[in-house]
Amino acid sequence: MSIIGGLSESRANPKGVLVLRDYSVSALRPDGTGPSKPQVVFAFDITSADGLFAARKFQIQPEDTVMATESAVASVRTVLGLVGSVFGVANTVQNY
């Protein structure tokens, strides 16, 4: 993530960084010494020291998917954009 410049403040939520990982059936262990399910989601809150240290030590594997949840700012911006569009259309209709 550091290569691409980190998370975009206007789009990503640093409290919801996710790593999705698939394990092969041979890696599954019901005794608790390894993964018990073939698909696992690891979640990091990188706004806290605990989350930063945990993420720093976490090894990303070649087939992992790293993603961030959407920021509340992006949702608010979308709603405001829709409201602005509605008023713009209403204003245009009134002028004709």
PDB file of N, CA and C in Angstrom:
ATOM      1  N   MET A   1       0.822  -1.189   0.000  1.00  0.00           N
ATOM      2  CA  MET A   1       0.000   0.000   0.000  1.00  0.00           C
ATOM      3  C   MET A   1       0.869   1.256   0.000  1.00  0.00           C
ATOM      4  N   SER A   2       2.053   1.143   0.575  1.00  0.00           N
ATOM      5  CA  SER A   2       2.905   2.326   0.611  1.00  0.00           C
ATOM      6  C   SER A   2       3.411   2.693  -0.779  1.00  0.00           C
ATOM      7  N   ILE A   3       3.541   1.715  -1.656  1.00  0.00           N
ATOM      8  CA  ILE A   3       4.008   1.990  -3.018  1.00  0.00           C
ATOM      9  C   ILE A   3       3.005   2.860  -3.771  1.00  0.00           C
ATOM     10  N   ILE A   4       1.708   2.657  -3.519  1.00  0.00           N
ATOM     11  CA  ILE A   4       0.691   3.445  -4.224  1.00  0.00           C
ATOM     12  C   ILE A   4       0.325   4.722  -3.485  1.00  0.00           C
ATOM     13  N   GLY A   5       1.037   5.030  -2.419  1.00  0.00           N
ATOM     14  CA  GLY A   5       0.806   6.285  -1.706  1.00  0.00           C
ATOM     15  C   GLY A   5      -0.144   6.173  -0.533  1.00  0.00           C
ATOM     16  N   GLY A   6      -0.467   4.957  -0.100  1.00  0.00           N
ATOM     17  CA  GLY A   6      -1.342   4.787   1.055  1.00  0.00           C
ATOM     18  C   GLY A   6      -2.804   4.893   0.693  1.00  0.00           C
ATOM     19  N   LEU A   7      -3.625   5.064   1.715  1.00  0.00           N
ATOM     20  CA  LEU A   7      -5.065   5.152   1.521  1.00  0.00           C
ATOM     21  C   LEU A   7      -5.476   6.583   1.191  1.00  0.00           C
ATOM     22  N   SER A   8      -6.423   6.733   0.305  1.00  0.00           N
ATOM     23  CA  SER A   8      -6.973   8.042  -0.027  1.00  0.00           C
ATOM     24  C   SER A   8      -7.902   8.473   1.098  1.00  0.00           C
ATOM     25  N   GLU A   9      -7.627   9.613   1.714  1.00  0.00           N
ATOM     26  CA  GLU A   9      -8.435  10.093   2.843  1.00  0.00           C
ATOM     27  C   GLU A   9      -9.887  10.331   2.447  1.00  0.00           C
ATOM     28  N   SER A  10     -10.128  10.688   1.189  1.00  0.00           N
ATOM     29  CA  SER A  10     -11.484  11.001   0.769  1.00  0.00           C
ATOM     30  C   SER A  10     -12.284   9.761   0.365  1.00  0.00           C
ATOM     31  N   ARG A  11     -11.623   8.610   0.222  1.00  0.00           N
ATOM     32  CA  ARG A  11     -12.340   7.425  -0.235  1.00  0.00           C
ATOM     33  C   ARG A  11     -12.261   6.234   0.704  1.00  0.00           C
ATOM     34  N   ALA A  12     -11.159   6.083   1.451  1.00  0.00           N
ATOM     35  CA  ALA A  12     -10.954   4.875   2.254  1.00  0.00           C
ATOM     36  C   ALA A  12     -11.101   5.154   3.741  1.00  0.00           C
ATOM     37  N   ASN A  13     -11.519   4.129   4.468  1.00  0.00           N
ATOM     38  CA  ASN A  13     -11.660   4.208   5.913  1.00  0.00           C
ATOM     39  C   ASN A  13     -10.482   3.468   6.548  1.00  0.00           C
ATOM     40  N   PRO A  14      -9.544   4.168   7.198  1.00  0.00           N
ATOM     41  CA  PRO A  14      -8.386   3.489   7.788  1.00  0.00           C
ATOM     42  C   PRO A  14      -8.740   2.584   8.962  1.00  0.00           C
ATOM     43  N   LYS A  15      -9.988   2.644   9.430  1.00  0.00           N
ATOM     44  CA  LYS A  15     -10.424   1.736  10.494  1.00  0.00           C
ATOM     45  C   LYS A  15     -10.871   0.393   9.924  1.00  0.00           C
ATOM     46  N   GLY A  16     -10.919   0.273   8.626  1.00  0.00           N
ATOM     47  CA  GLY A  16     -11.396  -0.960   7.993  1.00  0.00           C
ATOM     48  C   GLY A  16     -10.511  -1.432   6.864  1.00  0.00           C
ATOM     49  N   VAL A  17      -9.245  -1.728   7.139  1.00  0.00           N
ATOM     50  CA  VAL A  17      -8.352  -2.309   6.137  1.00  0.00           C
ATOM     51  C   VAL A  17      -8.496  -3.827   6.243  1.00  0.00           C
ATOM     52  N   LEU A  18      -8.810  -4.462   5.129  1.00  0.00           N
ATOM     53  CA  LEU A  18      -9.101  -5.898   5.119  1.00  0.00           C
ATOM     54  C   LEU A  18      -8.101  -6.650   4.252  1.00  0.00           C
ATOM     55  N   VAL A  19      -7.741  -7.842   4.697  1.00  0.00           N
ATOM     56  CA  VAL A  19      -6.927  -8.759   3.903  1.00  0.00           C
ATOM     57  C   VAL A  19      -7.731 -10.047   3.766  1.00  0.00           C
ATOM     58  N   LEU A  20      -8.062 -10.413   2.523  1.00  0.00           N
ATOM     59  CA  LEU A  20      -8.820 -11.628   2.249  1.00  0.00           C
ATOM     60  C   LEU A  20      -7.844 -12.706   1.808  1.00  0.00           C
ATOM     61  N   ARG A  21      -7.929 -13.880   2.449  1.00  0.00           N
ATOM     62  CA  ARG A  21      -6.983 -14.954   2.151  1.00  0.00           C
ATOM     63  C   ARG A  21      -7.720 -16.278   2.004  1.00  0.00           C
ATOM     64  N   ASP A  22      -7.315 -17.040   0.990  1.00  0.00           N
ATOM     65  CA  ASP A  22      -7.827 -18.396   0.781  1.00  0.00           C
ATOM     66  C   ASP A  22      -6.751 -19.388   1.206  1.00  0.00           C
ATOM     67  N   TYR A  23      -7.153 -20.404   1.962  1.00  0.00           N
ATOM     68  CA  TYR A  23      -6.256 -21.482   2.370  1.00  0.00           C
ATOM     69  C   TYR A  23      -6.640 -22.759   1.631  1.00  0.00           C
ATOM     70  N   SER A  24      -5.661 -23.563   1.299  1.00  0.00           N
ATOM     71  CA  SER A  24      -5.942 -24.856   0.671  1.00  0.00           C
ATOM     72  C   SER A  24      -6.513 -25.802   1.725  1.00  0.00           C
ATOM     73  N   VAL A  25      -7.185 -26.823   1.275  1.00  0.00           N
ATOM     74  CA  VAL A  25      -7.788 -27.796   2.186  1.00  0.00           C
ATOM     75  C   VAL A  25      -6.706 -28.457   3.044  1.00  0.00           C
ATOM     76  N   SER A  26      -5.523 -28.662   2.483  1.00  0.00           N
ATOM     77  CA  SER A  26      -4.449 -29.309   3.239  1.00  0.00           C
ATOM     78  C   SER A  26      -3.919 -28.435   4.378  1.00  0.00           C
ATOM     79  N   ALA A  27      -4.159 -27.126   4.316  1.00  0.00           N
ATOM     80  CA  ALA A  27      -3.674 -26.211   5.362  1.00  0.00           C
ATOM     81  C   ALA A  27      -4.640 -26.098   6.538  1.00  0.00           C
ATOM     82  N   LEU A  28      -5.872 -26.577   6.378  1.00  0.00           N
ATOM     83  CA  LEU A  28      -6.879 -26.448   7.427  1.00  0.00           C
ATOM     84  C   LEU A  28      -6.570 -27.382   8.591  1.00  0.00           C
ATOM     85  N   ARG A  29      -6.762 -26.859   9.813  1.00  0.00           N
ATOM     86  CA  ARG A  29      -6.474 -27.638  11.025  1.00  0.00           C
ATOM     87  C   ARG A  29      -7.570 -27.386  12.054  1.00  0.00           C
ATOM     88  N   PRO A  30      -8.341 -28.391  12.368  1.00  0.00           N
ATOM     89  CA  PRO A  30      -9.421 -28.216  13.349  1.00  0.00           C
ATOM     90  C   PRO A  30      -8.926 -28.117  14.791  1.00  0.00           C
ATOM     91  N   ASP A  31      -7.632 -28.362  15.047  1.00  0.00           N
ATOM     92  CA  ASP A  31      -7.116 -28.343  16.423  1.00  0.00           C
ATOM     93  C   ASP A  31      -6.712 -26.950  16.904  1.00  0.00           C
ATOM     94  N   GLY A  32      -6.884 -25.933  16.082  1.00  0.00           N
ATOM     95  CA  GLY A  32      -6.567 -24.563  16.501  1.00  0.00           C
ATOM     96  C   GLY A  32      -5.146 -24.122  16.229  1.00  0.00           C
ATOM     97  N   THR A  33      -4.319 -24.968  15.622  1.00  0.00           N
ATOM     98  CA  THR A  33      -2.932 -24.578  15.331  1.00  0.00           C
ATOM     99  C   THR A  33      -2.788 -23.937  13.962  1.00  0.00           C
ATOM    100  N   GLY A  34      -3.865 -23.804  13.247  1.00  0.00           N
ATOM    101  CA  GLY A  34      -3.857 -23.189  11.927  1.00  0.00           C
ATOM    102  C   GLY A  34      -5.258 -22.743  11.575  1.00  0.00           C
ATOM    103  N   PRO A  35      -5.476 -22.366  10.332  1.00  0.00           N
ATOM    104  CA  PRO A  35      -6.812 -21.910   9.935  1.00  0.00           C
ATOM    105  C   PRO A  35      -7.825 -23.051   9.995  1.00  0.00           C
ATOM    106  N   SER A  36      -9.025 -22.736  10.432  1.00  0.00           N
ATOM    107  CA  SER A  36     -10.077 -23.753  10.511  1.00  0.00           C
ATOM    108  C   SER A  36     -11.057 -23.648   9.344  1.00  0.00           C
ATOM    109  N   LYS A  37     -10.952 -22.568   8.559  1.00  0.00           N
ATOM    110  CA  LYS A  37     -11.842 -22.362   7.417  1.00  0.00           C
ATOM    111  C   LYS A  37     -10.999 -22.027   6.189  1.00  0.00           C
ATOM    112  N   PRO A  38     -11.504 -22.348   4.989  1.00  0.00           N
ATOM    113  CA  PRO A  38     -10.711 -22.103   3.778  1.00  0.00           C
ATOM    114  C   PRO A  38     -10.613 -20.629   3.378  1.00  0.00           C
ATOM    115  N   GLN A  39     -11.529 -19.801   3.832  1.00  0.00           N
ATOM    116  CA  GLN A  39     -11.498 -18.373   3.508  1.00  0.00           C
ATOM    117  C   GLN A  39     -11.515 -17.577   4.803  1.00  0.00           C
ATOM    118  N   VAL A  40     -10.543 -16.681   4.944  1.00  0.00           N
ATOM    119  CA  VAL A  40     -10.394 -15.903   6.176  1.00  0.00           C
ATOM    120  C   VAL A  40     -10.252 -14.428   5.815  1.00  0.00           C
ATOM    121  N   VAL A  41     -10.882 -13.564   6.618  1.00  0.00           N
ATOM    122  CA  VAL A  41     -10.745 -12.115   6.477  1.00  0.00           C
ATOM    123  C   VAL A  41     -10.023 -11.597   7.711  1.00  0.00           C
ATOM    124  N   PHE A  42      -8.900 -10.926   7.489  1.00  0.00           N
ATOM    125  CA  PHE A  42      -8.157 -10.272   8.564  1.00  0.00           C
ATOM    126  C   PHE A  42      -8.488  -8.787   8.485  1.00  0.00           C
ATOM    127  N   ALA A  43      -8.851  -8.176   9.612  1.00  0.00           N
ATOM    128  CA  ALA A  43      -9.243  -6.768   9.644  1.00  0.00           C
ATOM    129  C   ALA A  43      -8.272  -5.984  10.517  1.00  0.00           C
ATOM    130  N   PHE A  44      -7.878  -4.796  10.034  1.00  0.00           N
ATOM    131  CA  PHE A  44      -6.942  -3.936  10.762  1.00  0.00           C
ATOM    132  C   PHE A  44      -7.526  -2.539  10.895  1.00  0.00           C
ATOM    133  N   ASP A  45      -7.376  -1.965  12.070  1.00  0.00           N
ATOM    134  CA  ASP A  45      -7.711  -0.563  12.324  1.00  0.00           C
ATOM    135  C   ASP A  45      -6.374   0.161  12.437  1.00  0.00           C
ATOM    136  N   ILE A  46      -5.954   0.814  11.374  1.00  0.00           N
ATOM    137  CA  ILE A  46      -4.634   1.442  11.389  1.00  0.00           C
ATOM    138  C   ILE A  46      -4.655   2.874  11.930  1.00  0.00           C
ATOM    139  N   THR A  47      -5.745   3.226  12.636  1.00  0.00           N
ATOM    140  CA  THR A  47      -5.777   4.519  13.315  1.00  0.00           C
ATOM    141  C   THR A  47      -5.281   4.393  14.749  1.00  0.00           C
ATOM    142  N   SER A  48      -5.020   3.161  15.193  1.00  0.00           N
ATOM    143  CA  SER A  48      -4.537   2.950  16.565  1.00  0.00           C
ATOM    144  C   SER A  48      -3.138   2.339  16.520  1.00  0.00           C
ATOM    145  N   ALA A  49      -2.402   2.489  17.601  1.00  0.00           N
ATOM    146  CA  ALA A  49      -1.054   1.916  17.687  1.00  0.00           C
ATOM    147  C   ALA A  49      -1.109   0.395  17.592  1.00  0.00           C
ATOM    148  N   ASP A  50      -2.078  -0.219  18.257  1.00  0.00           N
ATOM    149  CA  ASP A  50      -2.202  -1.681  18.191  1.00  0.00           C
ATOM    150  C   ASP A  50      -2.406  -2.150  16.748  1.00  0.00           C
ATOM    151  N   GLY A  51      -3.266  -1.468  16.029  1.00  0.00           N
ATOM    152  CA  GLY A  51      -3.529  -1.837  14.642  1.00  0.00           C
ATOM    153  C   GLY A  51      -2.318  -1.643  13.750  1.00  0.00           C
ATOM    154  N   LEU A  52      -1.587  -0.557  13.972  1.00  0.00           N
ATOM    155  CA  LEU A  52      -0.382  -0.305  13.176  1.00  0.00           C
ATOM    156  C   LEU A  52       0.674  -1.374  13.414  1.00  0.00           C
ATOM    157  N   PHE A  53       0.902  -1.734  14.666  1.00  0.00           N
ATOM    158  CA  PHE A  53       1.904  -2.757  14.964  1.00  0.00           C
ATOM    159  C   PHE A  53       1.476  -4.123  14.438  1.00  0.00           C
ATOM    160  N   ALA A  54       0.188  -4.439  14.553  1.00  0.00           N
ATOM    161  CA  ALA A  54      -0.306  -5.716  14.029  1.00  0.00           C
ATOM    162  C   ALA A  54      -0.161  -5.774  12.511  1.00  0.00           C
ATOM    163  N   ALA A  55      -0.505  -4.686  11.828  1.00  0.00           N
ATOM    164  CA  ALA A  55      -0.394  -4.648  10.370  1.00  0.00           C
ATOM    165  C   ALA A  55       1.065  -4.707   9.928  1.00  0.00           C
ATOM    166  N   ARG A  56       1.948  -4.105  10.683  1.00  0.00           N
ATOM    167  CA  ARG A  56       3.365  -4.098  10.329  1.00  0.00           C
ATOM    168  C   ARG A  56       3.950  -5.503  10.341  1.00  0.00           C
ATOM    169  N   LYS A  57       3.500  -6.331  11.266  1.00  0.00           N
ATOM    170  CA  LYS A  57       4.038  -7.683  11.398  1.00  0.00           C
ATOM    171  C   LYS A  57       3.304  -8.700  10.521  1.00  0.00           C
ATOM    172  N   PHE A  58       2.189  -8.317   9.927  1.00  0.00           N
ATOM    173  CA  PHE A  58       1.379  -9.236   9.134  1.00  0.00           C
ATOM    174  C   PHE A  58       2.027  -9.456   7.771  1.00  0.00           C
ATOM    175  N   GLN A  59       2.205 -10.700   7.387  1.00  0.00           N
ATOM    176  CA  GLN A  59       2.816 -11.050   6.102  1.00  0.00           C
ATOM    177  C   GLN A  59       1.737 -11.172   5.019  1.00  0.00           C
ATOM    178  N   ILE A  60       1.827 -10.345   3.993  1.00  0.00           N
ATOM    179  CA  ILE A  60       0.914 -10.433   2.858  1.00  0.00           C
ATOM    180  C   ILE A  60       1.421 -11.539   1.936  1.00  0.00           C
ATOM    181  N   GLN A  61       0.517 -12.435   1.522  1.00  0.00           N
ATOM    182  CA  GLN A  61       0.851 -13.534   0.622  1.00  0.00           C
ATOM    183  C   GLN A  61       0.522 -13.134  -0.815  1.00  0.00           C
ATOM    184  N   PRO A  62       1.156 -13.776  -1.803  1.00  0.00           N
ATOM    185  CA  PRO A  62       0.937 -13.398  -3.204  1.00  0.00           C
ATOM    186  C   PRO A  62      -0.521 -13.423  -3.664  1.00  0.00           C
ATOM    187  N   GLU A  63      -1.340 -14.316  -3.164  1.00  0.00           N
ATOM    188  CA  GLU A  63      -2.731 -14.415  -3.618  1.00  0.00           C
ATOM    189  C   GLU A  63      -3.714 -13.639  -2.741  1.00  0.00           C
ATOM    190  N   ASP A  64      -3.232 -12.908  -1.740  1.00  0.00           N
ATOM    191  CA  ASP A  64      -4.110 -12.127  -0.861  1.00  0.00           C
ATOM    192  C   ASP A  64      -4.738 -10.962  -1.613  1.00  0.00           C
ATOM    193  N   THR A  65      -5.923 -10.587  -1.158  1.00  0.00           N
ATOM    194  CA  THR A  65      -6.582  -9.377  -1.648  1.00  0.00           C
ATOM    195  C   THR A  65      -6.594  -8.377  -0.505  1.00  0.00           C
ATOM    196  N   VAL A  66      -6.033  -7.186  -0.753  1.00  0.00           N
ATOM    197  CA  VAL A  66      -5.998  -6.136   0.260  1.00  0.00           C
ATOM    198  C   VAL A  66      -6.969  -5.049  -0.181  1.00  0.00           C
ATOM    199  N   MET A  67      -7.851  -4.667   0.732  1.00  0.00           N
ATOM    200  CA  MET A  67      -8.830  -3.639   0.402  1.00  0.00           C
ATOM    201  C   MET A  67      -9.171  -2.827   1.639  1.00  0.00           C
ATOM    202  N   ALA A  68      -9.782  -1.678   1.425  1.00  0.00           N
ATOM    203  CA  ALA A  68     -10.216  -0.826   2.528  1.00  0.00           C
ATOM    204  C   ALA A  68     -11.699  -0.557   2.373  1.00  0.00           C
ATOM    205  N   THR A  69     -12.381  -0.478   3.507  1.00  0.00           N
ATOM    206  CA  THR A  69     -13.801  -0.145   3.464  1.00  0.00           C
ATOM    207  C   THR A  69     -13.960   1.312   3.059  1.00  0.00           C
ATOM    208  N   GLU A  70     -15.143   1.663   2.605  1.00  0.00           N
ATOM    209  CA  GLU A  70     -15.382   3.019   2.117  1.00  0.00           C
ATOM    210  C   GLU A  70     -15.530   3.999   3.266  1.00  0.00           C
ATOM    211  N   SER A  71     -14.970   5.156   3.091  1.00  0.00           N
ATOM    212  CA  SER A  71     -15.059   6.229   4.069  1.00  0.00           C
ATOM    213  C   SER A  71     -16.478   6.781   4.125  1.00  0.00           C
ATOM    214  N   ALA A  72     -16.881   7.223   5.301  1.00  0.00           N
ATOM    215  CA  ALA A  72     -18.192   7.862   5.446  1.00  0.00           C
ATOM    216  C   ALA A  72     -18.248   9.153   4.641  1.00  0.00           C
ATOM    217  N   VAL A  73     -17.107   9.786   4.443  1.00  0.00           N
ATOM    218  CA  VAL A  73     -17.048  11.025   3.661  1.00  0.00           C
ATOM    219  C   VAL A  73     -17.487  10.762   2.227  1.00  0.00           C
ATOM    220  N   ALA A  74     -17.078   9.629   1.672  1.00  0.00           N
ATOM    221  CA  ALA A  74     -17.462   9.298   0.297  1.00  0.00           C
ATOM    222  C   ALA A  74     -18.973   9.121   0.187  1.00  0.00           C
ATOM    223  N   SER A  75     -19.598   8.482   1.169  1.00  0.00           N
ATOM    224  CA  SER A  75     -21.048   8.292   1.152  1.00  0.00           C
ATOM    225  C   SER A  75     -21.778   9.621   1.249  1.00  0.00           C
ATOM    226  N   VAL A  76     -21.310  10.482   2.132  1.00  0.00           N
ATOM    227  CA  VAL A  76     -21.931  11.811   2.284  1.00  0.00           C
ATOM    228  C   VAL A  76     -21.768  12.606   1.001  1.00  0.00           C
ATOM    229  N   ARG A  77     -20.597  12.533   0.392  1.00  0.00           N
ATOM    230  CA  ARG A  77     -20.348  13.258  -0.862  1.00  0.00           C
ATOM    231  C   ARG A  77     -21.285  12.757  -1.957  1.00  0.00           C
ATOM    232  N   THR A  78     -21.530  11.451  -2.017  1.00  0.00           N
ATOM    233  CA  THR A  78     -22.439  10.888  -3.017  1.00  0.00           C
ATOM    234  C   THR A  78     -23.855  11.389  -2.792  1.00  0.00           C
ATOM    235  N   VAL A  79     -24.323  11.371  -1.551  1.00  0.00           N
ATOM    236  CA  VAL A  79     -25.675  11.845  -1.241  1.00  0.00           C
ATOM    237  C   VAL A  79     -25.807  13.324  -1.585  1.00  0.00           C
ATOM    238  N   LEU A  80     -24.825  14.119  -1.197  1.00  0.00           N
ATOM    239  CA  LEU A  80     -24.883  15.555  -1.508  1.00  0.00           C
ATOM    240  C   LEU A  80     -24.860  15.797  -3.013  1.00  0.00           C
ATOM    241  N   GLY A  81     -24.105  15.004  -3.737  1.00  0.00           N
ATOM    242  CA  GLY A  81     -24.084  15.123  -5.193  1.00  0.00           C
ATOM    243  C   GLY A  81     -25.440  14.808  -5.804  1.00  0.00           C
ATOM    244  N   LEU A  82     -26.119  13.777  -5.279  1.00  0.00           N
ATOM    245  CA  LEU A  82     -27.455  13.431  -5.775  1.00  0.00           C
ATOM    246  C   LEU A  82     -28.461  14.530  -5.462  1.00  0.00           C
ATOM    247  N   VAL A  83     -28.383  15.068  -4.244  1.00  0.00           N
ATOM    248  CA  VAL A  83     -29.291  16.161  -3.863  1.00  0.00           C
ATOM    249  C   VAL A  83     -29.042  17.375  -4.755  1.00  0.00           C
ATOM    250  N   GLY A  84     -27.792  17.686  -4.989  1.00  0.00           N
ATOM    251  CA  GLY A  84     -27.458  18.811  -5.870  1.00  0.00           C
ATOM    252  C   GLY A  84     -27.969  18.591  -7.278  1.00  0.00           C
ATOM    253  N   SER A  85     -27.897  17.356  -7.761  1.00  0.00           N
ATOM    254  CA  SER A  85     -28.401  17.047  -9.104  1.00  0.00           C
ATOM    255  C   SER A  85     -29.907  17.229  -9.182  1.00  0.00           C
ATOM    256  N   VAL A  86     -30.610  16.813  -8.137  1.00  0.00           N
ATOM    257  CA  VAL A  86     -32.072  16.963  -8.112  1.00  0.00           C
ATOM    258  C   VAL A  86     -32.438  18.444  -8.151  1.00  0.00           C
ATOM    259  N   PHE A  87     -31.769  19.261  -7.353  1.00  0.00           N
ATOM    260  CA  PHE A  87     -32.056  20.704  -7.363  1.00  0.00           C
ATOM    261  C   PHE A  87     -31.676  21.330  -8.697  1.00  0.00           C
ATOM    262  N   GLY A  88     -30.608  20.849  -9.298  1.00  0.00           N
ATOM    263  CA  GLY A  88     -30.206  21.374 -10.605  1.00  0.00           C
ATOM    264  C   GLY A  88     -31.235  21.049 -11.677  1.00  0.00           C
ATOM    265  N   VAL A  89     -31.766  19.832 -11.668  1.00  0.00           N
ATOM    266  CA  VAL A  89     -32.798  19.431 -12.627  1.00  0.00           C
ATOM    267  C   VAL A  89     -34.074  20.225 -12.372  1.00  0.00           C
ATOM    268  N   ALA A  90     -34.451  20.380 -11.103  1.00  0.00           N
ATOM    269  CA  ALA A  90     -35.662  21.144 -10.773  1.00  0.00           C
ATOM    270  C   ALA A  90     -35.529  22.590 -11.224  1.00  0.00           C
ATOM    271  N   ASN A  91     -34.350  23.164 -11.036  1.00  0.00           N
ATOM    272  CA  ASN A  91     -34.114  24.536 -11.445  1.00  0.00           C
ATOM    273  C   ASN A  91     -34.180  24.676 -12.964  1.00  0.00           C
ATOM    274  N   THR A  92     -33.636  23.690 -13.672  1.00  0.00           N
ATOM    275  CA  THR A  92     -33.672  23.727 -15.132  1.00  0.00           C
ATOM    276  C   THR A  92     -35.103  23.605 -15.648  1.00  0.00           C
ATOM    277  N   VAL A  93     -35.904  22.738 -15.033  1.00  0.00           N
ATOM    278  CA  VAL A  93     -37.297  22.547 -15.437  1.00  0.00           C
ATOM    279  C   VAL A  93     -38.104  23.822 -15.209  1.00  0.00           C
ATOM    280  N   GLN A  94     -37.845  24.500 -14.093  1.00  0.00           N
ATOM    281  CA  GLN A  94     -38.569  25.737 -13.784  1.00  0.00           C
ATOM    282  C   GLN A  94     -38.243  26.845 -14.779  1.00  0.00           C
ATOM    283  N   ASN A  95     -37.030  26.854 -15.311  1.00  0.00           N
ATOM    284  CA  ASN A  95     -36.613  27.914 -16.228  1.00  0.00           C
ATOM    285  C   ASN A  95     -37.167  27.720 -17.631  1.00  0.00           C
ATOM    286  N   TYR A  96     -37.752  26.561 -17.945  1.00  0.00           N
ATOM    287  CA  TYR A  96     -38.301  26.346 -19.291  1.00  0.00           C
ATOM    288  C   TYR A  96     -39.737  26.641 -19.346  1.00  0.00           C
TER     289      TYR A  96
END
